[in-house]
Amino acid sequence: QVQLVESGGGLVQPGGSLRLSCAASGSSFSFNRMGWYRQAPGKQRELVATTTSGTSTNYADSVKGRFTISRDNAKNTVYLQMNSLKPEDTAVYYCHAQKYEPFGLPPTDYWGQGTQVTVSS
């Protein structure tokens, strides 16, 4: 029912920029938290950035100062502006959305299919 669709990935030179978008559909509610994760070949999936309100954000140390996460609550869409890209940023980037549940129940998580980001000369 709920689907997350990423877009904006591609090939970019070191020092360049990309803007990723993730639109959530099939939901009548806004997610409490949305964010981005990435997975490089042979490595574990890692957190890149998350946001709750658009003013509350969290970034991996490796991307602080270079990446900016933002959110359009009306469109249920989250963005990731990536500047000063490095070859080590090369990975599949996955959109993530989470809805909190009451009564101490675990949150509900949703994942996109992933979009490839390649940083190379």
C-alpha atoms as a PDB file:
ATOM      1  CA  GLN A   1       0.000   0.000   0.000  1.00  0.00           C
ATOM      2  CA  VAL A   2       2.613   2.528   1.096  1.00  0.00           C
ATOM      3  CA  GLN A   3       5.345   3.101  -1.465  1.00  0.00           C
ATOM      4  CA  LEU A   4       8.459   5.250  -1.399  1.00  0.00           C
ATOM      5  CA  VAL A   5       9.792   6.282  -4.790  1.00  0.00           C
ATOM      6  CA  GLU A   6      13.283   7.756  -5.066  1.00  0.00           C
ATOM      7  CA  SER A   7      14.643   9.829  -7.909  1.00  0.00           C
ATOM      8  CA  GLY A   8      17.622  12.035  -8.699  1.00  0.00           C
ATOM      9  CA  GLY A   9      20.480   9.570  -8.600  1.00  0.00           C
ATOM     10  CA  GLY A  10      23.099   9.357 -11.290  1.00  0.00           C
ATOM     11  CA  LEU A  11      26.728   9.888 -12.217  1.00  0.00           C
ATOM     12  CA  VAL A  12      28.510  13.021 -11.050  1.00  0.00           C
ATOM     13  CA  GLN A  13      32.105  14.224 -10.899  1.00  0.00           C
ATOM     14  CA  PRO A  14      33.908  14.676  -7.581  1.00  0.00           C
ATOM     15  CA  GLY A  15      32.987  18.044  -6.120  1.00  0.00           C
ATOM     16  CA  GLY A  16      29.672  18.046  -7.915  1.00  0.00           C
ATOM     17  CA  SER A  17      26.143  18.029  -6.576  1.00  0.00           C
ATOM     18  CA  LEU A  18      23.011  15.925  -6.754  1.00  0.00           C
ATOM     19  CA  ARG A  19      19.563  16.292  -5.277  1.00  0.00           C
ATOM     20  CA  LEU A  20      17.663  13.163  -4.321  1.00  0.00           C
ATOM     21  CA  SER A  21      13.907  13.121  -3.887  1.00  0.00           C
ATOM     22  CA  CYS A  22      11.659  10.575  -2.233  1.00  0.00           C
ATOM     23  CA  ALA A  23       7.897  10.772  -2.549  1.00  0.00           C
ATOM     24  CA  ALA A  24       5.642   8.684  -0.346  1.00  0.00           C
ATOM     25  CA  SER A  25       2.336   7.498  -1.752  1.00  0.00           C
ATOM     26  CA  GLY A  26      -0.539   5.388  -0.521  1.00  0.00           C
ATOM     27  CA  SER A  27      -0.600   6.992   2.907  1.00  0.00           C
ATOM     28  CA  SER A  28      -3.242   9.208   4.463  1.00  0.00           C
ATOM     29  CA  PHE A  29      -0.849  10.353   7.162  1.00  0.00           C
ATOM     30  CA  SER A  30       2.485  12.105   7.398  1.00  0.00           C
ATOM     31  CA  PHE A  31       5.409  10.020   8.583  1.00  0.00           C
ATOM     32  CA  ASN A  32       6.968  10.965  11.880  1.00  0.00           C
ATOM     33  CA  ARG A  33      10.480  10.501  10.546  1.00  0.00           C
ATOM     34  CA  MET A  34      11.927  10.343   7.069  1.00  0.00           C
ATOM     35  CA  GLY A  35      15.482   9.979   5.953  1.00  0.00           C
ATOM     36  CA  TRP A  36      18.156   8.475   3.789  1.00  0.00           C
ATOM     37  CA  TYR A  37      20.441   5.491   4.128  1.00  0.00           C
ATOM     38  CA  ARG A  38      23.100   4.219   1.764  1.00  0.00           C
ATOM     39  CA  GLN A  39      24.892   0.994   1.032  1.00  0.00           C
ATOM     40  CA  ALA A  40      28.142   0.680  -0.858  1.00  0.00           C
ATOM     41  CA  PRO A  41      29.273  -2.627  -2.393  1.00  0.00           C
ATOM     42  CA  GLY A  42      30.547  -4.986   0.282  1.00  0.00           C
ATOM     43  CA  LYS A  43      29.508  -2.677   3.104  1.00  0.00           C
ATOM     44  CA  GLN A  44      26.638  -2.462   5.553  1.00  0.00           C
ATOM     45  CA  ARG A  45      23.766  -0.079   5.069  1.00  0.00           C
ATOM     46  CA  GLU A  46      24.414   3.113   6.999  1.00  0.00           C
ATOM     47  CA  LEU A  47      22.426   6.137   8.033  1.00  0.00           C
ATOM     48  CA  VAL A  48      23.057   9.279   6.014  1.00  0.00           C
ATOM     49  CA  ALA A  49      20.509  11.765   7.332  1.00  0.00           C
ATOM     50  CA  THR A  50      17.101  11.835   8.994  1.00  0.00           C
ATOM     51  CA  THR A  51      14.564  14.482   9.835  1.00  0.00           C
ATOM     52  CA  THR A  52      11.369  14.733  11.844  1.00  0.00           C
ATOM     53  CA  SER A  53       9.990  18.222  11.310  1.00  0.00           C
ATOM     54  CA  GLY A  54      12.478  19.634   8.844  1.00  0.00           C
ATOM     55  CA  THR A  55      14.160  21.635  11.570  1.00  0.00           C
ATOM     56  CA  SER A  56      15.145  18.596  13.601  1.00  0.00           C
ATOM     57  CA  THR A  57      17.848  16.778  11.655  1.00  0.00           C
ATOM     58  CA  ASN A  58      20.558  14.212  12.164  1.00  0.00           C
ATOM     59  CA  TYR A  59      23.540  13.532   9.916  1.00  0.00           C
ATOM     60  CA  ALA A  60      26.278  10.987   9.688  1.00  0.00           C
ATOM     61  CA  ASP A  61      29.642  12.505  10.555  1.00  0.00           C
ATOM     62  CA  SER A  62      30.933  11.706   7.086  1.00  0.00           C
ATOM     63  CA  VAL A  63      28.388  13.978   5.383  1.00  0.00           C
ATOM     64  CA  LYS A  64      28.044  16.856   7.843  1.00  0.00           C
ATOM     65  CA  GLY A  65      28.550  20.187   6.155  1.00  0.00           C
ATOM     66  CA  ARG A  66      28.073  18.697   2.698  1.00  0.00           C
ATOM     67  CA  PHE A  67      24.591  17.161   2.692  1.00  0.00           C
ATOM     68  CA  THR A  68      21.306  18.796   3.639  1.00  0.00           C
ATOM     69  CA  ILE A  69      18.067  16.961   4.291  1.00  0.00           C
ATOM     70  CA  SER A  70      14.734  18.721   3.949  1.00  0.00           C
ATOM     71  CA  ARG A  71      11.090  17.763   3.914  1.00  0.00           C
ATOM     72  CA  ASP A  72       7.884  18.940   2.310  1.00  0.00           C
ATOM     73  CA  ASN A  73       5.180  17.689   4.643  1.00  0.00           C
ATOM     74  CA  ALA A  74       2.340  18.720   2.338  1.00  0.00           C
ATOM     75  CA  LYS A  75       3.756  16.530  -0.419  1.00  0.00           C
ATOM     76  CA  ASN A  76       5.032  13.816   1.929  1.00  0.00           C
ATOM     77  CA  THR A  77       8.380  14.138   0.231  1.00  0.00           C
ATOM     78  CA  VAL A  78      11.905  14.199   1.585  1.00  0.00           C
ATOM     79  CA  TYR A  79      14.957  15.559  -0.209  1.00  0.00           C
ATOM     80  CA  LEU A  80      18.677  15.146   0.120  1.00  0.00           C
ATOM     81  CA  GLN A  81      20.858  17.895  -1.313  1.00  0.00           C
ATOM     82  CA  MET A  82      24.349  16.495  -1.757  1.00  0.00           C
ATOM     83  CA  ASN A  83      27.197  18.928  -2.369  1.00  0.00           C
ATOM     84  CA  SER A  84      30.957  18.500  -2.599  1.00  0.00           C
ATOM     85  CA  LEU A  85      30.491  14.865  -3.485  1.00  0.00           C
ATOM     86  CA  LYS A  86      33.373  12.464  -3.002  1.00  0.00           C
ATOM     87  CA  PRO A  87      34.072   9.058  -4.561  1.00  0.00           C
ATOM     88  CA  GLU A  88      33.405   7.467  -1.173  1.00  0.00           C
ATOM     89  CA  ASP A  89      29.824   8.742  -1.399  1.00  0.00           C
ATOM     90  CA  THR A  90      29.220   6.216  -4.165  1.00  0.00           C
ATOM     91  CA  ALA A  91      26.443   3.891  -3.033  1.00  0.00           C
ATOM     92  CA  VAL A  92      22.841   2.929  -3.474  1.00  0.00           C
ATOM     93  CA  TYR A  93      20.784   5.460  -1.558  1.00  0.00           C
ATOM     94  CA  TYR A  94      17.583   4.273   0.078  1.00  0.00           C
ATOM     95  CA  CYS A  95      14.692   6.389   1.244  1.00  0.00           C
ATOM     96  CA  HIS A  96      13.280   5.500   4.639  1.00  0.00           C
ATOM     97  CA  ALA A  97      10.065   6.502   6.363  1.00  0.00           C
ATOM     98  CA  GLN A  98       8.892   5.658   9.832  1.00  0.00           C
ATOM     99  CA  LYS A  99       5.589   5.983  11.628  1.00  0.00           C
ATOM    100  CA  TYR A 100       5.505   5.870  15.397  1.00  0.00           C
ATOM    101  CA  GLU A 101       3.012   3.592  17.124  1.00  0.00           C
ATOM    102  CA  PRO A 102       1.283   3.997  20.493  1.00  0.00           C
ATOM    103  CA  PHE A 103       1.413   1.820  23.576  1.00  0.00           C
ATOM    104  CA  GLY A 104       5.092   1.059  23.311  1.00  0.00           C
ATOM    105  CA  LEU A 105       4.745  -0.848  20.054  1.00  0.00           C
ATOM    106  CA  PRO A 106       7.681  -0.740  17.648  1.00  0.00           C
ATOM    107  CA  PRO A 107       7.503   1.805  14.835  1.00  0.00           C
ATOM    108  CA  THR A 108       6.495   0.864  11.311  1.00  0.00           C
ATOM    109  CA  ASP A 109       9.275   1.200   8.747  1.00  0.00           C
ATOM    110  CA  TYR A 110       9.063   1.632   4.999  1.00  0.00           C
ATOM    111  CA  TRP A 111      11.867   1.512   2.450  1.00  0.00           C
ATOM    112  CA  GLY A 112      12.288   2.658  -1.104  1.00  0.00           C
ATOM    113  CA  GLN A 113      13.850   0.557  -3.827  1.00  0.00           C
ATOM    114  CA  GLY A 114      17.056   2.569  -3.889  1.00  0.00           C
ATOM    115  CA  THR A 115      18.728   4.882  -6.368  1.00  0.00           C
ATOM    116  CA  GLN A 116      22.338   4.629  -7.514  1.00  0.00           C
ATOM    117  CA  VAL A 117      24.718   7.510  -6.886  1.00  0.00           C
ATOM    118  CA  THR A 118      28.123   7.246  -8.519  1.00  0.00           C
ATOM    119  CA  VAL A 119      30.845   9.841  -7.942  1.00  0.00           C
ATOM    120  CA  SER A 120      33.671   9.398 -10.418  1.00  0.00           C
ATOM    121  CA  SER A 121      35.912  11.314 -12.797  1.00  0.00           C
END
